[in-house]
Amino acid sequence: MRSKTARAAAMAAATVVVGAIAITATVPSWAAASHATGSAPTTAAERYDWGDPLPGPSDEFDYGSADDPAVPDTSKWELAGGGEGQCWEGHAGNGQRCDKNTRVYGGVLRMTGEANGDSGWLGSTDSRQYGRYEARVRSMNTGDPGDRQYHPLLLIWPDTDNDWPQDGEYDYLENGAPGEDCAEGYLHYPQDPDADIQQEHAQDTDCGSPLSEWHTIGFEWTPDHVAGFIDGKEWFKFSGGENDVRKCVQCMPIGYQTIQLDNFYGDGMTPAQYEVDWYREYAAP
């Protein structure tokens, strides 16, 4: 396995291409209920009894303060650029991912996207094949919205020598702008690098309150499927789909969590913030 620094640099070159081939997908019977009703558990961990969070990778962000923000816990996270005060190239060469743009303010992790294109990134130091992941997040523009807006993401990135696209990518939250009305995701198949991008696009249709408000975003990755959750309710599930240029959608060999505020355009960006109240990781079922 290559170092996290090398793997994060590889992520900068990964691009998203819309257009998916449909495979097995299910919609739960209670999907018509609003996320905002509060009539059910607000986390998938509660609703489906995922058990206790794994203490190693999970982080409540209960350190630092508004007056003295802290560097994220380096026993749990790798910093952008590989260390304090460092930067590396942003998504597809757009702007920079910088350590200075991700800090903990006593109960909340905050990523800041600047007008000049500098933004935040964190990668978990823990890798696994299969697991359950959940985070309480919100995102918002802090300047007048223009055409160049940041993309807030939660994703599982492959932790292998082949990386992307050979071993897939699970963007279980990826929106084209902060604070949008509805969540989106892109589930990339492990695939032949010479083939067109093979992915499934998930878009929530039971949107509730906008993503500028706090929502709990969850992801389940098992030998049988990948599934996404918002405020404890399943909103996508995909399985299988292997063909002559790709493996099954859930067939990433090993991966790790990243939190990103991605720049798709360069400079002249709309300033934004992406906040995480807590992040919890659970063992696979």
C-alpha atoms as a PDB file:
ATOM      1  CA  MET A   1       0.000   0.000   0.000  1.00  0.00           C
ATOM      2  CA  ARG A   2       1.222   3.465  -0.788  1.00  0.00           C
ATOM      3  CA  SER A   3       1.375   6.275   1.774  1.00  0.00           C
ATOM      4  CA  LYS A   4      -1.685   8.388   2.522  1.00  0.00           C
ATOM      5  CA  THR A   5       0.145  11.387   1.018  1.00  0.00           C
ATOM      6  CA  ALA A   6       0.625   9.576  -2.272  1.00  0.00           C
ATOM      7  CA  ARG A   7      -2.943   8.312  -2.272  1.00  0.00           C
ATOM      8  CA  ALA A   8      -4.355  11.769  -1.557  1.00  0.00           C
ATOM      9  CA  ALA A   9      -2.318  13.192  -4.410  1.00  0.00           C
ATOM     10  CA  ALA A  10      -3.836  10.544  -6.673  1.00  0.00           C
ATOM     11  CA  MET A  11      -7.299  11.669  -5.572  1.00  0.00           C
ATOM     12  CA  ALA A  12      -6.629  15.121  -6.976  1.00  0.00           C
ATOM     13  CA  ALA A  13      -6.618  13.663 -10.472  1.00  0.00           C
ATOM     14  CA  ALA A  14      -9.896  11.754 -10.123  1.00  0.00           C
ATOM     15  CA  THR A  15     -12.791  13.226 -12.095  1.00  0.00           C
ATOM     16  CA  VAL A  16     -16.541  12.680 -11.851  1.00  0.00           C
ATOM     17  CA  VAL A  17     -18.464  11.864 -15.016  1.00  0.00           C
ATOM     18  CA  VAL A  18     -22.244  11.744 -14.811  1.00  0.00           C
ATOM     19  CA  GLY A  19     -24.031   8.858 -16.487  1.00  0.00           C
ATOM     20  CA  ALA A  20     -24.693   5.492 -14.896  1.00  0.00           C
ATOM     21  CA  ILE A  21     -25.887   2.063 -15.883  1.00  0.00           C
ATOM     22  CA  ALA A  22     -28.812   0.980 -13.725  1.00  0.00           C
ATOM     23  CA  ILE A  23     -28.414  -2.040 -11.467  1.00  0.00           C
ATOM     24  CA  THR A  24     -30.255  -3.583  -8.541  1.00  0.00           C
ATOM     25  CA  ALA A  25     -31.611  -0.779  -6.351  1.00  0.00           C
ATOM     26  CA  THR A  26     -34.217  -0.727  -3.616  1.00  0.00           C
ATOM     27  CA  VAL A  27     -36.375   1.979  -2.053  1.00  0.00           C
ATOM     28  CA  PRO A  28     -37.602   1.340   1.506  1.00  0.00           C
ATOM     29  CA  SER A  29     -41.362   1.208   2.108  1.00  0.00           C
ATOM     30  CA  TRP A  30     -41.240   4.127   4.542  1.00  0.00           C
ATOM     31  CA  ALA A  31     -39.383   6.443   2.110  1.00  0.00           C
ATOM     32  CA  ALA A  32     -42.433   8.704   1.755  1.00  0.00           C
ATOM     33  CA  ALA A  33     -41.986   9.979   5.332  1.00  0.00           C
ATOM     34  CA  SER A  34     -40.165  13.306   5.581  1.00  0.00           C
ATOM     35  CA  HIS A  35     -36.631  13.395   6.987  1.00  0.00           C
ATOM     36  CA  ALA A  36     -37.769  16.356   9.060  1.00  0.00           C
ATOM     37  CA  THR A  37     -40.632  14.605  10.903  1.00  0.00           C
ATOM     38  CA  GLY A  38     -38.489  13.379  13.802  1.00  0.00           C
ATOM     39  CA  SER A  39     -40.744  10.298  14.115  1.00  0.00           C
ATOM     40  CA  ALA A  40     -37.824   7.863  13.734  1.00  0.00           C
ATOM     41  CA  PRO A  41     -34.213   7.673  14.970  1.00  0.00           C
ATOM     42  CA  THR A  42     -32.073  10.405  13.419  1.00  0.00           C
ATOM     43  CA  THR A  43     -29.102   8.100  12.847  1.00  0.00           C
ATOM     44  CA  ALA A  44     -28.805   4.853  10.925  1.00  0.00           C
ATOM     45  CA  ALA A  45     -26.740   3.509  13.836  1.00  0.00           C
ATOM     46  CA  GLU A  46     -29.754   3.889  16.135  1.00  0.00           C
ATOM     47  CA  ARG A  47     -32.334   2.651  13.662  1.00  0.00           C
ATOM     48  CA  TYR A  48     -30.416  -0.440  12.584  1.00  0.00           C
ATOM     49  CA  ASP A  49     -28.527  -1.136  15.819  1.00  0.00           C
ATOM     50  CA  TRP A  50     -25.015  -0.791  14.457  1.00  0.00           C
ATOM     51  CA  GLY A  51     -23.580  -1.150  17.952  1.00  0.00           C
ATOM     52  CA  ASP A  52     -20.834   0.972  19.486  1.00  0.00           C
ATOM     53  CA  PRO A  53     -18.629   3.235  17.342  1.00  0.00           C
ATOM     54  CA  LEU A  54     -15.070   2.056  16.782  1.00  0.00           C
ATOM     55  CA  PRO A  55     -12.957   4.258  19.088  1.00  0.00           C
ATOM     56  CA  GLY A  56      -9.919   4.421  16.819  1.00  0.00           C
ATOM     57  CA  PRO A  57     -11.319   6.161  13.712  1.00  0.00           C
ATOM     58  CA  SER A  58     -14.375   7.847  15.303  1.00  0.00           C
ATOM     59  CA  ASP A  59     -14.079  11.484  16.394  1.00  0.00           C
ATOM     60  CA  GLU A  60     -16.532  13.641  18.377  1.00  0.00           C
ATOM     61  CA  PHE A  61     -14.388  16.776  17.725  1.00  0.00           C
ATOM     62  CA  ASP A  62     -14.736  17.765  21.392  1.00  0.00           C
ATOM     63  CA  TYR A  63     -11.423  19.638  21.504  1.00  0.00           C
ATOM     64  CA  GLY A  64     -10.156  23.059  20.485  1.00  0.00           C
ATOM     65  CA  SER A  65     -12.242  26.206  21.003  1.00  0.00           C
ATOM     66  CA  ALA A  66     -13.593  29.189  19.120  1.00  0.00           C
ATOM     67  CA  ASP A  67     -10.667  31.293  20.378  1.00  0.00           C
ATOM     68  CA  ASP A  68      -8.041  28.589  19.974  1.00  0.00           C
ATOM     69  CA  PRO A  69      -8.995  26.146  17.186  1.00  0.00           C
ATOM     70  CA  ALA A  70      -7.148  22.835  17.164  1.00  0.00           C
ATOM     71  CA  VAL A  71      -5.487  20.754  14.490  1.00  0.00           C
ATOM     72  CA  PRO A  72      -7.572  17.587  13.940  1.00  0.00           C
ATOM     73  CA  ASP A  73      -6.362  14.601  15.977  1.00  0.00           C
ATOM     74  CA  THR A  74      -3.416  13.215  13.992  1.00  0.00           C
ATOM     75  CA  SER A  75      -3.873   9.768  15.542  1.00  0.00           C
ATOM     76  CA  LYS A  76      -7.158   9.621  13.601  1.00  0.00           C
ATOM     77  CA  TRP A  77      -6.620  11.893  10.603  1.00  0.00           C
ATOM     78  CA  GLU A  78      -4.015  12.764   8.023  1.00  0.00           C
ATOM     79  CA  LEU A  79      -3.850  16.482   7.246  1.00  0.00           C
ATOM     80  CA  ALA A  80      -3.962  18.040   3.786  1.00  0.00           C
ATOM     81  CA  GLY A  81      -0.452  18.496   2.447  1.00  0.00           C
ATOM     82  CA  GLY A  82       0.788  15.833   4.848  1.00  0.00           C
ATOM     83  CA  GLY A  83       1.248  18.147   7.851  1.00  0.00           C
ATOM     84  CA  GLU A  84       0.726  21.497   9.529  1.00  0.00           C
ATOM     85  CA  GLY A  85       1.169  24.526   7.291  1.00  0.00           C
ATOM     86  CA  GLN A  86       1.276  22.406   4.139  1.00  0.00           C
ATOM     87  CA  CYS A  87      -0.816  22.248   0.953  1.00  0.00           C
ATOM     88  CA  TRP A  88      -1.091  19.951  -2.013  1.00  0.00           C
ATOM     89  CA  GLU A  89      -2.828  20.161  -5.376  1.00  0.00           C
ATOM     90  CA  GLY A  90      -6.624  20.322  -5.320  1.00  0.00           C
ATOM     91  CA  HIS A  91      -9.176  18.224  -7.176  1.00  0.00           C
ATOM     92  CA  ALA A  92      -8.092  17.777 -10.817  1.00  0.00           C
ATOM     93  CA  GLY A  93      -5.448  20.505 -10.287  1.00  0.00           C
ATOM     94  CA  ASN A  94      -7.944  23.153  -9.152  1.00  0.00           C
ATOM     95  CA  GLY A  95      -6.685  25.279  -6.252  1.00  0.00           C
ATOM     96  CA  GLN A  96      -5.024  23.698  -3.251  1.00  0.00           C
ATOM     97  CA  ARG A  97      -6.031  21.466  -0.345  1.00  0.00           C
ATOM     98  CA  CYS A  98      -4.388  23.072   2.666  1.00  0.00           C
ATOM     99  CA  ASP A  99      -3.943  22.042   6.269  1.00  0.00           C
ATOM    100  CA  LYS A 100      -4.822  25.577   7.445  1.00  0.00           C
ATOM    101  CA  ASN A 101      -8.333  25.227   6.002  1.00  0.00           C
ATOM    102  CA  THR A 102      -9.403  22.446   8.386  1.00  0.00           C
ATOM    103  CA  ARG A 103      -9.616  23.108  12.125  1.00  0.00           C
ATOM    104  CA  VAL A 104     -11.633  21.976  15.165  1.00  0.00           C
ATOM    105  CA  TYR A 105     -13.510  24.726  17.020  1.00  0.00           C
ATOM    106  CA  GLY A 106     -14.539  22.994  20.239  1.00  0.00           C
ATOM    107  CA  GLY A 107     -17.302  20.646  19.169  1.00  0.00           C
ATOM    108  CA  VAL A 108     -17.236  21.124  15.394  1.00  0.00           C
ATOM    109  CA  LEU A 109     -14.784  20.455  12.595  1.00  0.00           C
ATOM    110  CA  ARG A 110     -14.826  23.285  10.069  1.00  0.00           C
ATOM    111  CA  MET A 111     -13.460  23.250   6.530  1.00  0.00           C
ATOM    112  CA  THR A 112     -13.123  26.621   4.839  1.00  0.00           C
ATOM    113  CA  GLY A 113     -13.186  27.167   1.101  1.00  0.00           C
ATOM    114  CA  GLU A 114     -11.587  30.472   0.092  1.00  0.00           C
ATOM    115  CA  ALA A 115     -12.174  32.680  -2.944  1.00  0.00           C
ATOM    116  CA  ASN A 116      -8.620  31.952  -4.132  1.00  0.00           C
ATOM    117  CA  GLY A 117      -9.397  28.215  -4.380  1.00  0.00           C
ATOM    118  CA  ASP A 118      -7.727  26.979  -1.168  1.00  0.00           C
ATOM    119  CA  SER A 119      -9.905  24.485   0.717  1.00  0.00           C
ATOM    120  CA  GLY A 120      -9.808  21.673   3.267  1.00  0.00           C
ATOM    121  CA  TRP A 121      -9.307  17.915   3.252  1.00  0.00           C
ATOM    122  CA  LEU A 122      -8.994  15.135   5.850  1.00  0.00           C
ATOM    123  CA  GLY A 123      -8.251  11.448   5.412  1.00  0.00           C
ATOM    124  CA  SER A 124      -8.741   8.775   8.047  1.00  0.00           C
ATOM    125  CA  THR A 125      -5.627   6.907   9.172  1.00  0.00           C
ATOM    126  CA  ASP A 126      -7.770   3.751   9.420  1.00  0.00           C
ATOM    127  CA  SER A 127      -8.558   1.482   6.456  1.00  0.00           C
ATOM    128  CA  ARG A 128     -10.800  -1.557   6.093  1.00  0.00           C
ATOM    129  CA  GLN A 129     -12.837  -3.614   3.678  1.00  0.00           C
ATOM    130  CA  TYR A 130     -16.519  -3.253   4.579  1.00  0.00           C
ATOM    131  CA  GLY A 131     -17.897  -1.114   7.368  1.00  0.00           C
ATOM    132  CA  ARG A 132     -20.490   1.405   8.411  1.00  0.00           C
ATOM    133  CA  TYR A 133     -19.858   5.157   8.537  1.00  0.00           C
ATOM    134  CA  GLU A 134     -21.902   8.122   9.761  1.00  0.00           C
ATOM    135  CA  ALA A 135     -21.330  11.866  10.193  1.00  0.00           C
ATOM    136  CA  ARG A 136     -23.411  14.857  11.284  1.00  0.00           C
ATOM    137  CA  VAL A 137     -22.747  17.576   8.682  1.00  0.00           C
ATOM    138  CA  ARG A 138     -23.909  20.848   7.185  1.00  0.00           C
ATOM    139  CA  SER A 139     -22.541  23.152   4.463  1.00  0.00           C
ATOM    140  CA  MET A 140     -23.123  26.752   3.439  1.00  0.00           C
ATOM    141  CA  ASN A 141     -21.835  29.505   1.200  1.00  0.00           C
ATOM    142  CA  THR A 142     -20.349  32.438   3.108  1.00  0.00           C
ATOM    143  CA  GLY A 143     -20.267  34.730   0.075  1.00  0.00           C
ATOM    144  CA  ASP A 144     -22.749  35.595  -2.665  1.00  0.00           C
ATOM    145  CA  PRO A 145     -23.239  32.424  -4.735  1.00  0.00           C
ATOM    146  CA  GLY A 146     -21.700  32.499  -8.180  1.00  0.00           C
ATOM    147  CA  ASP A 147     -21.115  29.896 -10.866  1.00  0.00           C
ATOM    148  CA  ARG A 148     -17.998  28.571  -9.091  1.00  0.00           C
ATOM    149  CA  GLN A 149     -19.153  26.828  -5.932  1.00  0.00           C
ATOM    150  CA  TYR A 150     -17.433  24.213  -3.780  1.00  0.00           C
ATOM    151  CA  HIS A 151     -18.503  20.567  -3.614  1.00  0.00           C
ATOM    152  CA  PRO A 152     -18.911  19.128  -0.067  1.00  0.00           C
ATOM    153  CA  LEU A 153     -18.172  15.381   0.063  1.00  0.00           C
ATOM    154  CA  LEU A 154     -18.035  12.337   2.303  1.00  0.00           C
ATOM    155  CA  LEU A 155     -16.360   9.433   0.529  1.00  0.00           C
ATOM    156  CA  ILE A 156     -14.534   6.136   0.846  1.00  0.00           C
ATOM    157  CA  TRP A 157     -11.306   6.157  -1.199  1.00  0.00           C
ATOM    158  CA  PRO A 158      -9.414   2.963  -2.124  1.00  0.00           C
ATOM    159  CA  ASP A 159      -6.328   2.184  -0.030  1.00  0.00           C
ATOM    160  CA  THR A 160      -4.437   0.145  -2.617  1.00  0.00           C
ATOM    161  CA  ASP A 161      -1.615   0.474  -5.116  1.00  0.00           C
ATOM    162  CA  ASN A 162      -4.118   0.526  -7.991  1.00  0.00           C
ATOM    163  CA  ASP A 163      -6.291   3.233  -6.407  1.00  0.00           C
ATOM    164  CA  TRP A 164      -8.714   4.857  -8.860  1.00  0.00           C
ATOM    165  CA  PRO A 165     -10.570   3.824 -10.971  1.00  0.00           C
ATOM    166  CA  GLN A 166      -9.379   0.214 -10.741  1.00  0.00           C
ATOM    167  CA  ASP A 167     -10.593  -0.150  -7.154  1.00  0.00           C
ATOM    168  CA  GLY A 168     -13.646   2.122  -7.151  1.00  0.00           C
ATOM    169  CA  GLU A 169     -14.746   5.110  -5.061  1.00  0.00           C
ATOM    170  CA  TYR A 170     -17.824   5.632  -2.883  1.00  0.00           C
ATOM    171  CA  ASP A 171     -18.937   9.279  -2.789  1.00  0.00           C
ATOM    172  CA  TYR A 172     -21.896   8.697  -0.489  1.00  0.00           C
ATOM    173  CA  LEU A 173     -22.426  12.452  -0.234  1.00  0.00           C
ATOM    174  CA  GLU A 174     -21.369  14.683  -3.115  1.00  0.00           C
ATOM    175  CA  ASN A 175     -23.210  17.893  -3.889  1.00  0.00           C
ATOM    176  CA  GLY A 176     -22.458  20.437  -6.575  1.00  0.00           C
ATOM    177  CA  ALA A 177     -22.805  23.351  -4.139  1.00  0.00           C
ATOM    178  CA  PRO A 178     -23.000  23.879  -0.373  1.00  0.00           C
ATOM    179  CA  GLY A 179     -26.420  23.883   1.278  1.00  0.00           C
ATOM    180  CA  GLU A 180     -28.362  22.407  -1.633  1.00  0.00           C
ATOM    181  CA  ASP A 181     -31.939  21.230  -1.147  1.00  0.00           C
ATOM    182  CA  CYS A 182     -31.295  17.513  -1.828  1.00  0.00           C
ATOM    183  CA  ALA A 183     -28.399  15.136  -1.255  1.00  0.00           C
ATOM    184  CA  GLU A 184     -26.559  13.417  -4.101  1.00  0.00           C
ATOM    185  CA  GLY A 185     -24.024  10.599  -4.267  1.00  0.00           C
ATOM    186  CA  TYR A 186     -21.838   8.844  -6.848  1.00  0.00           C
ATOM    187  CA  LEU A 187     -20.931   5.178  -6.376  1.00  0.00           C
ATOM    188  CA  HIS A 188     -18.027   4.245  -8.642  1.00  0.00           C
ATOM    189  CA  TYR A 189     -17.433   0.667  -9.731  1.00  0.00           C
ATOM    190  CA  PRO A 190     -13.943  -0.850  -9.538  1.00  0.00           C
ATOM    191  CA  GLN A 191     -13.228  -0.818 -13.256  1.00  0.00           C
ATOM    192  CA  ASP A 192     -10.879  -1.107 -16.179  1.00  0.00           C
ATOM    193  CA  PRO A 193      -9.055   2.263 -16.368  1.00  0.00           C
ATOM    194  CA  ASP A 194      -9.456   2.329 -20.150  1.00  0.00           C
ATOM    195  CA  ALA A 195     -13.262   2.101 -19.973  1.00  0.00           C
ATOM    196  CA  ASP A 196     -15.705   4.987 -19.686  1.00  0.00           C
ATOM    197  CA  ILE A 197     -16.444   5.887 -16.059  1.00  0.00           C
ATOM    198  CA  GLN A 198     -18.785   3.311 -14.521  1.00  0.00           C
ATOM    199  CA  GLN A 199     -20.871   4.723 -11.682  1.00  0.00           C
ATOM    200  CA  GLU A 200     -24.310   4.981 -10.123  1.00  0.00           C
ATOM    201  CA  HIS A 201     -25.794   8.418  -9.396  1.00  0.00           C
ATOM    202  CA  ALA A 202     -28.031   8.607  -6.315  1.00  0.00           C
ATOM    203  CA  GLN A 203     -30.280  11.621  -5.743  1.00  0.00           C
ATOM    204  CA  ASP A 204     -32.552  11.972  -2.734  1.00  0.00           C
ATOM    205  CA  THR A 205     -36.181  12.703  -3.588  1.00  0.00           C
ATOM    206  CA  ASP A 206     -37.394  13.014   0.034  1.00  0.00           C
ATOM    207  CA  CYS A 207     -35.324  16.051   0.807  1.00  0.00           C
ATOM    208  CA  GLY A 208     -36.714  17.595   3.984  1.00  0.00           C
ATOM    209  CA  SER A 209     -34.697  20.611   5.132  1.00  0.00           C
ATOM    210  CA  PRO A 210     -31.757  21.842   3.010  1.00  0.00           C
ATOM    211  CA  LEU A 211     -28.193  20.677   3.581  1.00  0.00           C
ATOM    212  CA  SER A 212     -27.333  24.034   5.142  1.00  0.00           C
ATOM    213  CA  GLU A 213     -29.014  22.545   8.228  1.00  0.00           C
ATOM    214  CA  TRP A 214     -27.580  19.644  10.229  1.00  0.00           C
ATOM    215  CA  HIS A 215     -28.177  16.181   8.764  1.00  0.00           C
ATOM    216  CA  THR A 216     -26.783  12.789   9.666  1.00  0.00           C
ATOM    217  CA  ILE A 217     -25.307  11.095   6.592  1.00  0.00           C
ATOM    218  CA  GLY A 218     -24.584   7.367   6.779  1.00  0.00           C
ATOM    219  CA  PHE A 219     -23.065   4.685   4.558  1.00  0.00           C
ATOM    220  CA  GLU A 220     -23.050   0.897   4.753  1.00  0.00           C
ATOM    221  CA  TRP A 221     -20.596  -1.230   2.761  1.00  0.00           C
ATOM    222  CA  THR A 222     -20.978  -5.005   2.939  1.00  0.00           C
ATOM    223  CA  PRO A 223     -20.058  -8.008   0.765  1.00  0.00           C
ATOM    224  CA  ASP A 224     -23.617  -7.775  -0.604  1.00  0.00           C
ATOM    225  CA  HIS A 225     -24.295  -4.069  -1.242  1.00  0.00           C
ATOM    226  CA  VAL A 226     -23.553  -0.396  -0.648  1.00  0.00           C
ATOM    227  CA  ALA A 227     -26.307   1.727   0.920  1.00  0.00           C
ATOM    228  CA  GLY A 228     -26.784   5.365   1.954  1.00  0.00           C
ATOM    229  CA  PHE A 229     -28.785   6.911   4.794  1.00  0.00           C
ATOM    230  CA  ILE A 230     -30.005  10.401   5.674  1.00  0.00           C
ATOM    231  CA  ASP A 231     -31.195  11.054   9.224  1.00  0.00           C
ATOM    232  CA  GLY A 232     -31.574   7.313   9.812  1.00  0.00           C
ATOM    233  CA  LYS A 233     -33.488   6.541   6.617  1.00  0.00           C
ATOM    234  CA  GLU A 234     -32.145   4.597   3.649  1.00  0.00           C
ATOM    235  CA  TRP A 235     -32.106   6.600   0.417  1.00  0.00           C
ATOM    236  CA  PHE A 236     -30.080   4.366  -1.907  1.00  0.00           C
ATOM    237  CA  LYS A 237     -28.883   0.791  -2.168  1.00  0.00           C
ATOM    238  CA  PHE A 238     -26.866  -0.745  -5.012  1.00  0.00           C
ATOM    239  CA  SER A 239     -25.444  -4.217  -5.503  1.00  0.00           C
ATOM    240  CA  GLY A 240     -23.788  -6.326  -8.162  1.00  0.00           C
ATOM    241  CA  GLY A 241     -23.433  -4.910 -11.669  1.00  0.00           C
ATOM    242  CA  GLU A 242     -20.256  -6.747 -12.710  1.00  0.00           C
ATOM    243  CA  ASN A 243     -19.601  -6.907 -16.453  1.00  0.00           C
ATOM    244  CA  ASP A 244     -16.671  -7.196 -18.873  1.00  0.00           C
ATOM    245  CA  VAL A 245     -15.066  -3.867 -17.800  1.00  0.00           C
ATOM    246  CA  ARG A 246     -15.928  -3.633 -14.099  1.00  0.00           C
ATOM    247  CA  LYS A 247     -16.319  -5.567 -10.872  1.00  0.00           C
ATOM    248  CA  CYS A 248     -19.395  -5.455  -8.646  1.00  0.00           C
ATOM    249  CA  VAL A 249     -20.143  -2.043  -7.150  1.00  0.00           C
ATOM    250  CA  GLN A 250     -19.355  -3.243  -3.595  1.00  0.00           C
ATOM    251  CA  CYS A 251     -16.055  -4.895  -4.614  1.00  0.00           C
ATOM    252  CA  MET A 252     -13.515  -2.249  -3.514  1.00  0.00           C
ATOM    253  CA  PRO A 253     -10.745  -4.308  -1.845  1.00  0.00           C
ATOM    254  CA  ILE A 254     -10.032  -1.842   0.996  1.00  0.00           C
ATOM    255  CA  GLY A 255     -10.762   1.836   1.622  1.00  0.00           C
ATOM    256  CA  TYR A 256     -10.683   4.750   4.059  1.00  0.00           C
ATOM    257  CA  GLN A 257     -12.889   7.745   4.865  1.00  0.00           C
ATOM    258  CA  THR A 258     -12.133  11.221   3.581  1.00  0.00           C
ATOM    259  CA  ILE A 259     -13.922  14.520   4.209  1.00  0.00           C
ATOM    260  CA  GLN A 260     -13.511  17.041   1.390  1.00  0.00           C
ATOM    261  CA  LEU A 261     -14.584  20.493   0.232  1.00  0.00           C
ATOM    262  CA  ASP A 262     -13.612  20.181  -3.401  1.00  0.00           C
ATOM    263  CA  ASN A 263     -12.805  22.861  -5.954  1.00  0.00           C
ATOM    264  CA  PHE A 264     -13.860  21.979  -9.526  1.00  0.00           C
ATOM    265  CA  TYR A 265     -13.061  25.352 -11.110  1.00  0.00           C
ATOM    266  CA  GLY A 266      -9.788  26.988  -9.984  1.00  0.00           C
ATOM    267  CA  ASP A 267      -9.895  30.486  -8.508  1.00  0.00           C
ATOM    268  CA  GLY A 268     -12.746  32.986  -8.236  1.00  0.00           C
ATOM    269  CA  MET A 269     -14.650  30.578  -5.973  1.00  0.00           C
ATOM    270  CA  THR A 270     -17.652  31.387  -3.791  1.00  0.00           C
ATOM    271  CA  PRO A 271     -16.317  31.233  -0.186  1.00  0.00           C
ATOM    272  CA  ALA A 272     -17.911  28.408   1.796  1.00  0.00           C
ATOM    273  CA  GLN A 273     -17.823  26.393   5.016  1.00  0.00           C
ATOM    274  CA  TYR A 274     -18.367  22.685   5.560  1.00  0.00           C
ATOM    275  CA  GLU A 275     -18.905  21.599   9.166  1.00  0.00           C
ATOM    276  CA  VAL A 276     -18.859  18.188  10.877  1.00  0.00           C
ATOM    277  CA  ASP A 277     -20.356  17.855  14.362  1.00  0.00           C
ATOM    278  CA  TRP A 278     -19.085  14.277  14.764  1.00  0.00           C
ATOM    279  CA  TYR A 279     -17.844  11.316  12.748  1.00  0.00           C
ATOM    280  CA  ARG A 280     -18.447   7.680  13.776  1.00  0.00           C
ATOM    281  CA  GLU A 281     -17.276   4.454  12.213  1.00  0.00           C
ATOM    282  CA  TYR A 282     -18.684   0.993  12.905  1.00  0.00           C
ATOM    283  CA  ALA A 283     -17.631  -2.570  12.220  1.00  0.00           C
ATOM    284  CA  ALA A 284     -19.127  -4.350   9.223  1.00  0.00           C
ATOM    285  CA  PRO A 285     -22.220  -6.480   9.911  1.00  0.00           C
END
